[in-house]
């Protein structure tokens, strides 16, 4: 899969959710294998559980620093 750039946040749940969303929404045809690997390991459930345990928030705002 192509490079999606760097992601950073003080909220570990938000950054994990943003990375997951970036892969899923990428136009790169190479994403299929990565999505299958993430889903086979129930990656989104880890994010959901972390949010439920109060470790962060799944909502985020993307701010580009490339402007």
PDB file of N, CA and C in Angstrom:
ATOM      1  N   UNK A   1       0.848  -1.172   0.000  1.00  0.00           N
ATOM      2  CA  UNK A   1       0.000   0.000   0.000  1.00  0.00           C
ATOM      3  C   UNK A   1       0.894   1.235   0.000  1.00  0.00           C
ATOM      4  N   UNK A   2       0.438   2.286  -0.633  1.00  0.00           N
ATOM      5  CA  UNK A   2       1.207   3.532  -0.699  1.00  0.00           C
ATOM      6  C   UNK A   2       1.317   4.189   0.682  1.00  0.00           C
ATOM      7  N   UNK A   3       2.278   5.062   0.812  1.00  0.00           N
ATOM      8  CA  UNK A   3       2.500   5.803   2.054  1.00  0.00           C
ATOM      9  C   UNK A   3       1.363   6.802   2.264  1.00  0.00           C
ATOM     10  N   UNK A   4       0.749   6.748   3.421  1.00  0.00           N
ATOM     11  CA  UNK A   4      -0.346   7.665   3.737  1.00  0.00           C
ATOM     12  C   UNK A   4       0.136   8.857   4.556  1.00  0.00           C
ATOM     13  N   UNK A   5       1.404   8.903   4.860  1.00  0.00           N
ATOM     14  CA  UNK A   5       1.946  10.012   5.630  1.00  0.00           C
ATOM     15  C   UNK A   5       2.073   9.660   7.101  1.00  0.00           C
ATOM     16  N   UNK A   6       2.281  10.667   7.909  1.00  0.00           N
ATOM     17  CA  UNK A   6       2.448  10.491   9.349  1.00  0.00           C
ATOM     18  C   UNK A   6       1.220  11.017  10.068  1.00  0.00           C
ATOM     19  N   UNK A   7       0.853  10.331  11.122  1.00  0.00           N
ATOM     20  CA  UNK A   7      -0.275  10.725  11.943  1.00  0.00           C
ATOM     21  C   UNK A   7       0.223  10.929  13.366  1.00  0.00           C
ATOM     22  N   UNK A   8      -0.310  11.937  14.048  1.00  0.00           N
ATOM     23  CA  UNK A   8       0.097  12.202  15.425  1.00  0.00           C
ATOM     24  C   UNK A   8      -1.092  12.732  16.208  1.00  0.00           C
ATOM     25  N   UNK A   9      -1.115  12.412  17.493  1.00  0.00           N
ATOM     26  CA  UNK A   9      -2.178  12.885  18.366  1.00  0.00           C
ATOM     27  C   UNK A   9      -1.770  12.634  19.804  1.00  0.00           C
ATOM     28  N   UNK A  10      -2.327  13.403  20.706  1.00  0.00           N
ATOM     29  CA  UNK A  10      -2.150  13.121  22.128  1.00  0.00           C
ATOM     30  C   UNK A  10      -3.173  12.073  22.572  1.00  0.00           C
ATOM     31  N   UNK A  11      -4.113  11.726  21.704  1.00  0.00           N
ATOM     32  CA  UNK A  11      -5.153  10.741  21.988  1.00  0.00           C
ATOM     33  C   UNK A  11      -4.847   9.467  21.184  1.00  0.00           C
ATOM     34  N   UNK A  12      -4.409   8.401  21.841  1.00  0.00           N
ATOM     35  CA  UNK A  12      -4.041   7.185  21.114  1.00  0.00           C
ATOM     36  C   UNK A  12      -5.215   6.515  20.401  1.00  0.00           C
ATOM     37  N   UNK A  13      -6.405   6.638  20.927  1.00  0.00           N
ATOM     38  CA  UNK A  13      -7.580   6.047  20.289  1.00  0.00           C
ATOM     39  C   UNK A  13      -7.915   6.808  19.007  1.00  0.00           C
ATOM     40  N   UNK A  14      -7.889   8.122  19.080  1.00  0.00           N
ATOM     41  CA  UNK A  14      -8.198   8.945  17.909  1.00  0.00           C
ATOM     42  C   UNK A  14      -7.197   8.702  16.778  1.00  0.00           C
ATOM     43  N   UNK A  15      -5.927   8.594  17.106  1.00  0.00           N
ATOM     44  CA  UNK A  15      -4.928   8.389  16.054  1.00  0.00           C
ATOM     45  C   UNK A  15      -5.073   6.997  15.444  1.00  0.00           C
ATOM     46  N   UNK A  16      -5.385   5.984  16.244  1.00  0.00           N
ATOM     47  CA  UNK A  16      -5.618   4.652  15.688  1.00  0.00           C
ATOM     48  C   UNK A  16      -6.844   4.647  14.785  1.00  0.00           C
ATOM     49  N   UNK A  17      -7.904   5.323  15.197  1.00  0.00           N
ATOM     50  CA  UNK A  17      -9.117   5.402  14.377  1.00  0.00           C
ATOM     51  C   UNK A  17      -8.825   6.143  13.076  1.00  0.00           C
ATOM     52  N   UNK A  18      -8.076   7.229  13.155  1.00  0.00           N
ATOM     53  CA  UNK A  18      -7.728   8.005  11.959  1.00  0.00           C
ATOM     54  C   UNK A  18      -6.902   7.176  10.981  1.00  0.00           C
ATOM     55  N   UNK A  19      -5.971   6.401  11.495  1.00  0.00           N
ATOM     56  CA  UNK A  19      -5.153   5.546  10.629  1.00  0.00           C
ATOM     57  C   UNK A  19      -6.002   4.468   9.964  1.00  0.00           C
ATOM     58  N   UNK A  20      -6.871   3.836  10.733  1.00  0.00           N
ATOM     59  CA  UNK A  20      -7.773   2.822  10.185  1.00  0.00           C
ATOM     60  C   UNK A  20      -8.639   3.429   9.082  1.00  0.00           C
ATOM     61  N   UNK A  21      -9.230   4.584   9.369  1.00  0.00           N
ATOM     62  CA  UNK A  21     -10.089   5.252   8.390  1.00  0.00           C
ATOM     63  C   UNK A  21      -9.308   5.646   7.138  1.00  0.00           C
ATOM     64  N   UNK A  22      -8.068   6.089   7.307  1.00  0.00           N
ATOM     65  CA  UNK A  22      -7.255   6.494   6.155  1.00  0.00           C
ATOM     66  C   UNK A  22      -6.998   5.312   5.224  1.00  0.00           C
ATOM     67  N   UNK A  23      -6.732   4.159   5.808  1.00  0.00           N
ATOM     68  CA  UNK A  23      -6.508   2.965   4.988  1.00  0.00           C
ATOM     69  C   UNK A  23      -7.792   2.577   4.266  1.00  0.00           C
ATOM     70  N   UNK A  24      -8.891   2.482   4.995  1.00  0.00           N
ATOM     71  CA  UNK A  24     -10.167   2.066   4.415  1.00  0.00           C
ATOM     72  C   UNK A  24     -10.614   3.024   3.307  1.00  0.00           C
ATOM     73  N   UNK A  25     -10.387   4.312   3.472  1.00  0.00           N
ATOM     74  CA  UNK A  25     -10.847   5.314   2.508  1.00  0.00           C
ATOM     75  C   UNK A  25      -9.827   5.641   1.421  1.00  0.00           C
ATOM     76  N   UNK A  26      -8.677   5.005   1.444  1.00  0.00           N
ATOM     77  CA  UNK A  26      -7.639   5.255   0.453  1.00  0.00           C
ATOM     78  C   UNK A  26      -8.061   4.735  -0.925  1.00  0.00           C
ATOM     79  N   UNK A  27      -7.698   5.458  -1.989  1.00  0.00           N
ATOM     80  CA  UNK A  27      -7.990   4.968  -3.337  1.00  0.00           C
ATOM     81  C   UNK A  27      -6.991   3.893  -3.800  1.00  0.00           C
ATOM     82  N   UNK A  28      -5.972   3.619  -3.015  1.00  0.00           N
ATOM     83  CA  UNK A  28      -4.923   2.671  -3.371  1.00  0.00           C
ATOM     84  C   UNK A  28      -5.493   1.243  -3.473  1.00  0.00           C
ATOM     85  N   UNK A  29      -5.352   0.594  -4.634  1.00  0.00           N
ATOM     86  CA  UNK A  29      -5.859  -0.778  -4.758  1.00  0.00           C
ATOM     87  C   UNK A  29      -5.088  -1.767  -3.872  1.00  0.00           C
ATOM     88  N   UNK A  30      -3.918  -1.388  -3.415  1.00  0.00           N
ATOM     89  CA  UNK A  30      -3.131  -2.247  -2.540  1.00  0.00           C
ATOM     90  C   UNK A  30      -3.675  -2.333  -1.124  1.00  0.00           C
ATOM     91  N   UNK A  31      -4.702  -1.561  -0.822  1.00  0.00           N
ATOM     92  CA  UNK A  31      -5.252  -1.539   0.537  1.00  0.00           C
ATOM     93  C   UNK A  31      -5.967  -2.836   0.903  1.00  0.00           C
ATOM     94  N   UNK A  32      -6.413  -3.581  -0.085  1.00  0.00           N
ATOM     95  CA  UNK A  32      -7.219  -4.774   0.181  1.00  0.00           C
ATOM     96  C   UNK A  32      -6.500  -5.754   1.113  1.00  0.00           C
ATOM     97  N   UNK A  33      -5.253  -6.039   0.851  1.00  0.00           N
ATOM     98  CA  UNK A  33      -4.501  -6.985   1.682  1.00  0.00           C
ATOM     99  C   UNK A  33      -4.325  -6.458   3.100  1.00  0.00           C
ATOM    100  N   UNK A  34      -4.067  -5.160   3.237  1.00  0.00           N
ATOM    101  CA  UNK A  34      -3.895  -4.582   4.567  1.00  0.00           C
ATOM    102  C   UNK A  34      -5.210  -4.601   5.339  1.00  0.00           C
ATOM    103  N   UNK A  35      -6.306  -4.279   4.683  1.00  0.00           N
ATOM    104  CA  UNK A  35      -7.612  -4.311   5.346  1.00  0.00           C
ATOM    105  C   UNK A  35      -7.941  -5.736   5.794  1.00  0.00           C
ATOM    106  N   UNK A  36      -7.669  -6.710   4.936  1.00  0.00           N
ATOM    107  CA  UNK A  36      -7.912  -8.107   5.312  1.00  0.00           C
ATOM    108  C   UNK A  36      -7.089  -8.493   6.533  1.00  0.00           C
ATOM    109  N   UNK A  37      -5.839  -8.047   6.591  1.00  0.00           N
ATOM    110  CA  UNK A  37      -4.985  -8.355   7.740  1.00  0.00           C
ATOM    111  C   UNK A  37      -5.498  -7.667   9.001  1.00  0.00           C
ATOM    112  N   UNK A  38      -5.887  -6.382   8.891  1.00  0.00           N
ATOM    113  CA  UNK A  38      -6.415  -5.663  10.058  1.00  0.00           C
ATOM    114  C   UNK A  38      -7.704  -6.321  10.544  1.00  0.00           C
ATOM    115  N   UNK A  39      -8.576  -6.676   9.621  1.00  0.00           N
ATOM    116  CA  UNK A  39      -9.853  -7.276  10.000  1.00  0.00           C
ATOM    117  C   UNK A  39      -9.675  -8.678  10.575  1.00  0.00           C
ATOM    118  N   UNK A  40      -8.732  -9.444  10.056  1.00  0.00           N
ATOM    119  CA  UNK A  40      -8.511 -10.801  10.565  1.00  0.00           C
ATOM    120  C   UNK A  40      -7.989 -10.782  11.999  1.00  0.00           C
ATOM    121  N   UNK A  41      -7.403  -9.652  12.387  1.00  0.00           N
ATOM    122  CA  UNK A  41      -6.896  -9.499  13.757  1.00  0.00           C
ATOM    123  C   UNK A  41      -7.827  -8.639  14.613  1.00  0.00           C
ATOM    124  N   UNK A  42      -9.011  -8.356  14.065  1.00  0.00           N
ATOM    125  CA  UNK A  42     -10.041  -7.582  14.772  1.00  0.00           C
ATOM    126  C   UNK A  42      -9.508  -6.237  15.255  1.00  0.00           C
ATOM    127  N   UNK A  43      -8.753  -5.569  14.402  1.00  0.00           N
ATOM    128  CA  UNK A  43      -8.115  -4.307  14.758  1.00  0.00           C
ATOM    129  C   UNK A  43      -9.070  -3.230  15.222  1.00  0.00           C
ATOM    130  N   UNK A  44     -10.221  -3.109  14.597  1.00  0.00           N
ATOM    131  CA  UNK A  44     -11.144  -2.053  14.980  1.00  0.00           C
ATOM    132  C   UNK A  44     -11.744  -2.337  16.359  1.00  0.00           C
ATOM    133  N   UNK A  45     -11.830  -3.607  16.738  1.00  0.00           N
ATOM    134  CA  UNK A  45     -12.360  -3.946  18.063  1.00  0.00           C
ATOM    135  C   UNK A  45     -11.427  -3.454  19.171  1.00  0.00           C
ATOM    136  N   UNK A  46     -10.139  -3.431  18.884  1.00  0.00           N
ATOM    137  CA  UNK A  46      -9.177  -2.897  19.852  1.00  0.00           C
ATOM    138  C   UNK A  46      -9.435  -1.411  20.075  1.00  0.00           C
ATOM    139  N   UNK A  47      -9.692  -0.698  18.995  1.00  0.00           N
ATOM    140  CA  UNK A  47      -9.993   0.731  19.090  1.00  0.00           C
ATOM    141  C   UNK A  47     -11.301   0.939  19.849  1.00  0.00           C
ATOM    142  N   UNK A  48     -12.306   0.147  19.526  1.00  0.00           N
ATOM    143  CA  UNK A  48     -13.606   0.255  20.214  1.00  0.00           C
ATOM    144  C   UNK A  48     -13.455  -0.015  21.708  1.00  0.00           C
ATOM    145  N   UNK A  49     -12.727  -1.059  22.062  1.00  0.00           N
ATOM    146  CA  UNK A  49     -12.538  -1.406  23.472  1.00  0.00           C
ATOM    147  C   UNK A  49     -11.760  -0.330  24.211  1.00  0.00           C
ATOM    148  N   UNK A  50     -10.740   0.208  23.581  1.00  0.00           N
ATOM    149  CA  UNK A  50      -9.946   1.269  24.212  1.00  0.00           C
ATOM    150  C   UNK A  50     -10.826   2.482  24.505  1.00  0.00           C
ATOM    151  N   UNK A  51     -11.693   2.831  23.570  1.00  0.00           N
ATOM    152  CA  UNK A  51     -12.612   3.965  23.785  1.00  0.00           C
ATOM    153  C   UNK A  51     -13.582   3.652  24.915  1.00  0.00           C
ATOM    154  N   UNK A  52     -14.107   2.430  24.959  1.00  0.00           N
ATOM    155  CA  UNK A  52     -15.037   2.043  26.020  1.00  0.00           C
ATOM    156  C   UNK A  52     -14.387   2.074  27.400  1.00  0.00           C
ATOM    157  N   UNK A  53     -13.095   1.817  27.449  1.00  0.00           N
ATOM    158  CA  UNK A  53     -12.359   1.836  28.715  1.00  0.00           C
ATOM    159  C   UNK A  53     -11.843   3.232  29.071  1.00  0.00           C
ATOM    160  N   UNK A  54     -12.227   4.214  28.280  1.00  0.00           N
ATOM    161  CA  UNK A  54     -11.866   5.588  28.596  1.00  0.00           C
ATOM    162  C   UNK A  54     -10.441   5.977  28.258  1.00  0.00           C
ATOM    163  N   UNK A  55      -9.822   5.246  27.354  1.00  0.00           N
ATOM    164  CA  UNK A  55      -8.432   5.547  26.995  1.00  0.00           C
ATOM    165  C   UNK A  55      -8.311   6.623  25.927  1.00  0.00           C
ATOM    166  N   UNK A  56      -9.437   7.058  25.388  1.00  0.00           N
ATOM    167  CA  UNK A  56      -9.428   8.098  24.364  1.00  0.00           C
ATOM    168  C   UNK A  56     -10.775   8.162  23.686  1.00  0.00           C
ATOM    169  N   UNK A  57     -10.815   8.905  22.592  1.00  0.00           N
ATOM    170  CA  UNK A  57     -12.049   9.177  21.874  1.00  0.00           C
ATOM    171  C   UNK A  57     -11.864   8.795  20.420  1.00  0.00           C
ATOM    172  N   UNK A  58     -12.863   8.162  19.819  1.00  0.00           N
ATOM    173  CA  UNK A  58     -12.771   7.750  18.417  1.00  0.00           C
ATOM    174  C   UNK A  58     -13.018   8.896  17.447  1.00  0.00           C
ATOM    175  N   UNK A  59     -13.506  10.014  17.930  1.00  0.00           N
ATOM    176  CA  UNK A  59     -13.730  11.177  17.068  1.00  0.00           C
ATOM    177  C   UNK A  59     -12.432  11.966  16.946  1.00  0.00           C
ATOM    178  N   UNK A  60     -12.212  12.527  15.773  1.00  0.00           N
ATOM    179  CA  UNK A  60     -10.977  13.265  15.530  1.00  0.00           C
ATOM    180  C   UNK A  60     -11.204  14.307  14.448  1.00  0.00           C
ATOM    181  N   UNK A  61     -10.272  15.225  14.352  1.00  0.00           N
ATOM    182  CA  UNK A  61     -10.260  16.213  13.282  1.00  0.00           C
ATOM    183  C   UNK A  61      -8.904  16.130  12.608  1.00  0.00           C
ATOM    184  N   UNK A  62      -8.912  15.951  11.293  1.00  0.00           N
ATOM    185  CA  UNK A  62      -7.648  15.873  10.539  1.00  0.00           C
ATOM    186  C   UNK A  62      -7.177  17.288  10.246  1.00  0.00           C
ATOM    187  N   UNK A  63      -5.931  17.554  10.586  1.00  0.00           N
ATOM    188  CA  UNK A  63      -5.309  18.845  10.300  1.00  0.00           C
ATOM    189  C   UNK A  63      -4.044  18.573   9.512  1.00  0.00           C
ATOM    190  N   UNK A  64      -3.974  19.065   8.294  1.00  0.00           N
ATOM    191  CA  UNK A  64      -2.800  18.856   7.446  1.00  0.00           C
ATOM    192  C   UNK A  64      -1.766  19.940   7.724  1.00  0.00           C
ATOM    193  N   UNK A  65      -0.528  19.519   7.836  1.00  0.00           N
ATOM    194  CA  UNK A  65       0.568  20.466   8.056  1.00  0.00           C
ATOM    195  C   UNK A  65       1.327  20.744   6.762  1.00  0.00           C
ATOM    196  N   UNK A  66       0.855  20.207   5.647  1.00  0.00           N
ATOM    197  CA  UNK A  66       1.509  20.370   4.353  1.00  0.00           C
ATOM    198  C   UNK A  66       1.107  21.632   3.618  1.00  0.00           C
ATOM    199  N   UNK A  67       0.288  22.449   4.186  1.00  0.00           N
ATOM    200  CA  UNK A  67      -0.241  23.619   3.490  1.00  0.00           C
ATOM    201  C   UNK A  67       0.768  24.644   3.219  1.00  0.00           C
TER     202      UNK A  67
END
